[in-house]
Protein backbone atom coordinates (compact mmCIF):
# COMPACT_ATOMS: atom_id res chain seq x y z
CA MET A 1 -26.14 22.46 -0.99
CA ALA A 2 -24.27 21.82 -4.20
CA GLY A 3 -21.52 19.20 -4.58
CA ARG A 4 -17.88 20.07 -4.61
CA GLY A 5 -16.32 21.57 -7.69
CA PRO A 6 -14.21 19.74 -10.27
CA GLN A 7 -10.99 21.06 -8.75
CA SER A 8 -11.67 19.28 -5.47
CA PHE A 9 -12.42 16.07 -7.34
CA GLN A 10 -9.18 16.38 -9.34
CA LYS A 11 -7.23 16.99 -6.14
CA LYS A 12 -8.78 13.90 -4.58
CA LEU A 13 -7.86 11.77 -7.62
CA LYS A 14 -4.33 13.14 -7.62
CA GLU A 15 -3.92 12.36 -3.92
CA GLN A 16 -5.21 8.81 -4.44
CA GLN A 17 -2.77 8.27 -7.31
CA ARG A 18 0.08 9.64 -5.20
CA LYS A 19 -0.76 7.26 -2.36
CA GLU A 20 -1.01 4.28 -4.71
CA LYS A 21 2.35 5.10 -6.28
CA GLN A 22 3.91 5.46 -2.83
CA GLN A 23 2.55 2.05 -1.80
CA GLU A 24 3.94 0.48 -5.00
CA LYS A 25 7.37 1.97 -4.29
CA ILE A 26 7.32 0.64 -0.73
CA ALA A 27 6.35 -2.82 -1.98
CA LYS A 28 9.19 -2.78 -4.54
CA ARG A 29 11.72 -1.72 -1.90
CA LEU A 30 10.60 -4.51 0.43
CA GLU A 31 10.79 -7.04 -2.40
CA ARG A 32 14.34 -5.95 -3.30
CA LYS A 33 15.32 -6.10 0.35
CA ARG A 34 13.82 -9.58 0.70
CA LEU A 35 15.68 -10.79 -2.41
CA ALA A 36 18.94 -9.28 -1.17
CA GLU A 37 18.58 -11.04 2.19
CA ALA A 38 17.72 -14.33 0.48
CA SER A 39 20.91 -14.31 -1.61
CA PRO A 40 23.60 -12.20 0.10
CA GLY A 41 26.42 -13.38 -2.22
CA SER A 42 24.54 -12.53 -5.38
CA ASP A 43 26.13 -10.18 -7.92
CA THR A 44 22.82 -9.08 -9.40
CA ASP A 45 22.00 -5.42 -9.80
CA LEU A 46 18.88 -4.73 -7.75
CA ASP A 47 18.33 -1.22 -9.10
CA PHE A 48 15.99 -2.47 -11.79
CA GLU A 49 13.41 -5.16 -12.22
CA ILE A 50 13.14 -7.39 -15.26
CA GLN A 51 9.76 -7.06 -16.85
CA PRO A 52 8.07 -10.23 -18.17
CA GLN A 53 8.57 -9.22 -21.80
CA ASP A 54 12.27 -8.53 -21.07
CA ALA A 55 12.68 -11.97 -19.51
CA GLU A 56 11.16 -13.60 -22.58
CA ALA A 57 13.45 -11.62 -24.89
CA GLN A 58 16.49 -12.63 -22.85
CA GLN A 59 15.43 -16.25 -22.92
CA GLN A 60 14.98 -16.16 -26.70
CA GLU A 61 18.35 -14.45 -27.09
CA ALA A 62 20.02 -17.10 -24.92
CA GLU A 63 18.46 -19.83 -27.04
CA THR A 64 19.66 -18.31 -30.33
CA GLN A 65 23.25 -17.64 -29.22
CA PRO A 66 24.30 -21.32 -28.99
CA GLN A 67 22.80 -21.95 -32.41
CA GLU A 68 24.84 -19.10 -33.91
CA ALA A 69 28.01 -20.49 -32.31
CA GLU A 70 27.39 -23.88 -33.90
CA ARG A 71 27.06 -22.29 -37.36
CA SER A 72 30.49 -20.64 -37.13
């Protein structure tokens, strides 16, 4: 008996990717919920997550702003 065709394999891969994405979404929701419960008075916007490169850029920007104020 021959193996399954390429379409079945593609469907299997697609289903695996869908399940992985669903698990990632669930994990993100739980993380946001946990953060919200940890700091109920926080004004942060939990609709987005700061990526590591974004955090570094914000840190660099925060460091350069006081220097610019001193120059003025």
